Amino acid sequence: MHSLKSMLTFLPMKRPKQEAPLSTTKPPPPPTPPQPQPKKAKTTQTWVPLNVSQSDLSLPLTFPTGQTFRWKQTGPTQFTGTVGPHLISLKHRQDGDVYYCVHRTTCESSAISALLDYLNVAISLTKVWEVFSLSDPRFAELARYLRGARVLRQDPVECLVQFLCSSNNNISRITKMVDFMSSLGRYLGSVEGFEFHEFPSLERLANVSEIELREAGFGYRAKYITRTVDALQSKPGGGAEWLSSLRKMGLQEVIDDLCTLPGVGPKVAACVALFSLDQHHAIPVDTHVWQIATRHLLPELAGARLTPKLCNRVAEAFVSKYGKYAGWAQTVLFIAELPSQKALLPSHFSLVKENEALKTKGS
């Protein structure tokens, strides 16, 4: 390869007959070369089919049912939220199929890939429910009215912070807390009056003090959030990487590791394991799940006080009944108990509950 010097050609310069007078003004500076601009986010309003039917994804039975508190209802059958740096809306068309609209992203293909991963579409809900229905005739009937209630695969940091906010709390207050935490992230845009932000990184969360969270109404949960963020940052490779690595471990090890974090007990750990760490047979046991279990799986324990030992027995009963996706079955049974969803069920389901309660008392 020739050097730059060898490529130059030197030409003899002729002296002009008369020199031009020197100018006292400075020559204009050379033009500044154009600087590379940061990649701008694309904004669109085009609705595209997601190629997922309502039987595999029901938006009203998935987003507002306690798995996540970050999606907003922005239309009669429309929900809007963020998946990483992408602002996306989903809605059902008249035929029930799901359509999506990417409002803001730097890469359309990355947005769709992230959305499909978030929605856990690699798992066929139809096939999973076939297994449940064979082992439980009551589930088979329930599935006719709650089709498409699926389990999400959330970002582990986002999921963990949300469930730290959920401890001894109600949905309205949890949502306000999660909205505050989300507002610390990068602003992505607004849809139907709701503002949306990318969920903040652990580094950003580390700058929030316990006092700030208490002033925002977090109460005693403030210390658990700040201390958990500190604990995660001290993990080898960083907290986000450590949490994601739990997806490759067994359920009990995941629960034990999560419970080393401040404010994380077995129930919060099971929620995070189920909704973000691929632990599909994790069973978050609270009083509601306990009532479901004593009504349908362990009637002999009706009237007993829930203890850690009985929590384990409930989890084992669900796994024995429904198999490796027991957490998905438990989610559906939990949704069926929500007041907002009971209207979808025929009245005889309530009568069945009353009859079962009478049989339990009689026995």
Foldseek 3Di string as FASTA:
>chain_A
DDDPVVVDDDDDDDDDPDDDDDDPDDDDDDDDPDDDDPQFKDFDDDKAFLPDAQLAAQPVLAPPQPLALAWDAQDPFKIWADQALWTKMWGADPRRTIIMGTGIDSDPVVRSVSVCQFAVVVDGPVVLQVLLCVLPVVSVVLCVLSGRHFFTAGQLVLSLVLLLLVPVDDSVSSSQLSVVQQVLADWNQDGNHDTYGRRDDLVSVLPDALVNSVVSPSPPSSVLSNQLSVVQQPDVVGNSVVLQVLLPDADVVQQVVQVVRRSDHNLSSLSSCCRHRPQQLRARDDPLLVVVCCLPQNVVCPPPDDDPVVVVVSSVSQCVRRNSNSNGVSSSVSSCPDPVSVVSDDPVVVVSSVVSVVVSVVD
